[in-house]
Structures are given as C-alpha cells and as structure tokens.
Protein backbone atom coordinates (compact mmCIF):
# COMPACT_ATOMS: atom_id res chain seq x y z
CA MET A 1 20.72 95.44 116.22
CA GLU A 2 21.91 99.36 115.85
CA LYS A 3 18.45 100.44 115.46
CA TYR A 4 17.54 99.28 119.36
CA LEU A 5 21.52 100.89 120.33
CA GLU A 6 19.77 104.38 118.56
CA LYS A 7 16.65 104.67 120.32
CA ARG A 8 17.09 106.53 123.49
CA ASP A 9 13.71 107.42 125.01
CA THR A 10 14.50 106.91 128.27
CA GLU A 11 17.95 106.58 130.36
CA TRP A 12 18.08 103.81 132.51
CA ILE A 13 21.27 102.84 135.13
CA VAL A 14 22.35 99.83 136.83
CA LYS A 15 21.18 99.26 140.25
CA GLY A 16 23.91 99.94 142.83
CA GLU A 17 26.82 97.46 142.03
CA PRO A 18 26.77 95.88 138.54
CA SER A 19 24.42 92.91 138.05
CA TRP A 20 23.90 91.38 135.29
CA SER A 21 24.31 87.58 133.70
CA ILE A 22 24.48 86.36 130.62
CA ASP A 23 23.98 82.78 129.38
CA ILE A 24 24.28 81.08 125.74
CA GLN A 25 21.64 78.95 124.23
CA THR A 26 19.26 77.80 121.50
CA ILE A 27 16.09 77.59 122.87
CA GLY A 28 14.61 79.98 125.64
CA LYS A 29 12.21 82.79 126.27
CA TYR A 30 14.69 85.26 124.03
CA THR A 31 15.08 83.49 121.25
CA GLU A 32 13.38 83.45 117.85
CA SER A 33 15.30 80.26 116.29
CA THR A 34 15.98 77.12 117.68
CA THR A 35 18.99 76.47 115.48
CA VAL A 36 21.05 79.52 116.13
CA PRO A 37 22.93 80.06 119.14
CA VAL A 38 22.25 83.53 120.95
CA ALA A 39 23.09 85.21 124.03
CA ASN A 40 20.76 86.35 126.37
CA PHE A 41 21.69 89.05 128.63
CA LYS A 42 19.50 90.20 131.98
CA PHE A 43 20.70 94.01 133.54
CA ASP A 44 18.82 94.80 137.07
CA LEU A 45 17.93 98.41 136.57
CA ASN A 46 16.49 101.07 138.46
CA ARG A 47 14.49 103.94 136.71
CA GLY A 48 12.81 106.53 139.16
CA GLU A 49 11.38 104.99 141.95
CA LYS A 50 10.43 101.41 140.08
CA ASP A 51 12.28 98.77 139.88
CA LYS A 52 13.17 97.01 136.34
CA THR A 53 14.48 94.15 134.40
CA LEU A 54 16.02 94.87 131.06
CA GLN A 55 16.37 91.33 129.13
CA PHE A 56 17.49 91.20 125.16
CA ALA A 57 19.14 88.64 123.21
CA VAL A 58 21.45 89.02 120.27
CA ASP A 59 22.94 86.32 118.01
CA LYS A 60 26.79 86.00 116.96
CA PRO A 61 26.72 88.90 114.66
CA GLY A 62 24.89 91.26 116.81
CA LEU A 63 26.70 90.14 119.77
CA SER A 64 30.32 91.45 117.75
CA GLN A 65 28.35 94.78 117.11
CA LEU A 66 27.55 95.20 120.62
CA LEU A 67 31.10 94.25 122.10
CA LEU A 68 32.73 96.70 119.47
CA ALA A 69 30.02 99.62 120.86
CA LEU A 70 31.35 98.44 124.27
CA GLU A 71 35.04 98.61 123.59
CA GLN A 72 34.55 101.89 122.26
CA ALA A 73 32.35 103.46 125.07
CA ASN A 74 35.16 102.19 127.21
CA LEU A 75 37.84 103.87 125.52
CA TYR A 76 36.06 107.02 125.21
CA LEU A 77 35.32 106.85 128.57
CA GLY A 78 38.81 106.33 129.68
CA SER A 79 40.20 108.65 127.44
CA ASN A 80 37.78 111.64 128.95
CA LEU A 81 38.60 110.02 132.77
CA SER A 82 42.24 110.58 132.66
CA ASN A 83 41.91 114.33 131.37
C-alpha cells in the first residue's frame, strides 16, 4: 500500500464537492481474492480538462494504513489551519 501512496507522478483533485463511494465485498472487479474482504473506493477526479475516476481496493491491513495516513493528514491540516 505504501508504495502506491508514495508515488506522486501527478496531483489529482476531487471535482467540486467531494464525491466518493465505498463498498465492502469479496468478489468483484477490483478484488484479487474471493476469500478476503476488501474495501473498494471510487473517487471522481479532475485532471486538467479531463475527467477521470480513481478506483482502488484495499484489504483490512491496507485499509488500516490508509485510515492512519488520513488521520495524520487531518491532524496536520487542522494544526496548520488554526495558525
């Protein structure tokens, strides 16, 4: 998971109001296993003039890492915005 988070070739921004969806499943397009539940994420993005969709799936350990990273980002933003 970390190798995907560290790679920053292009900056993506969420279009307009944040738009995203999450579903938990064991079988589907973005899963690699039929026995391990994963969380599938879908974000509508804007890259320049092209509309794109970012989609990815994470298993439970990956989801824990993602949530921790988001919590740390939230704390960082909160402390910087209050200054």
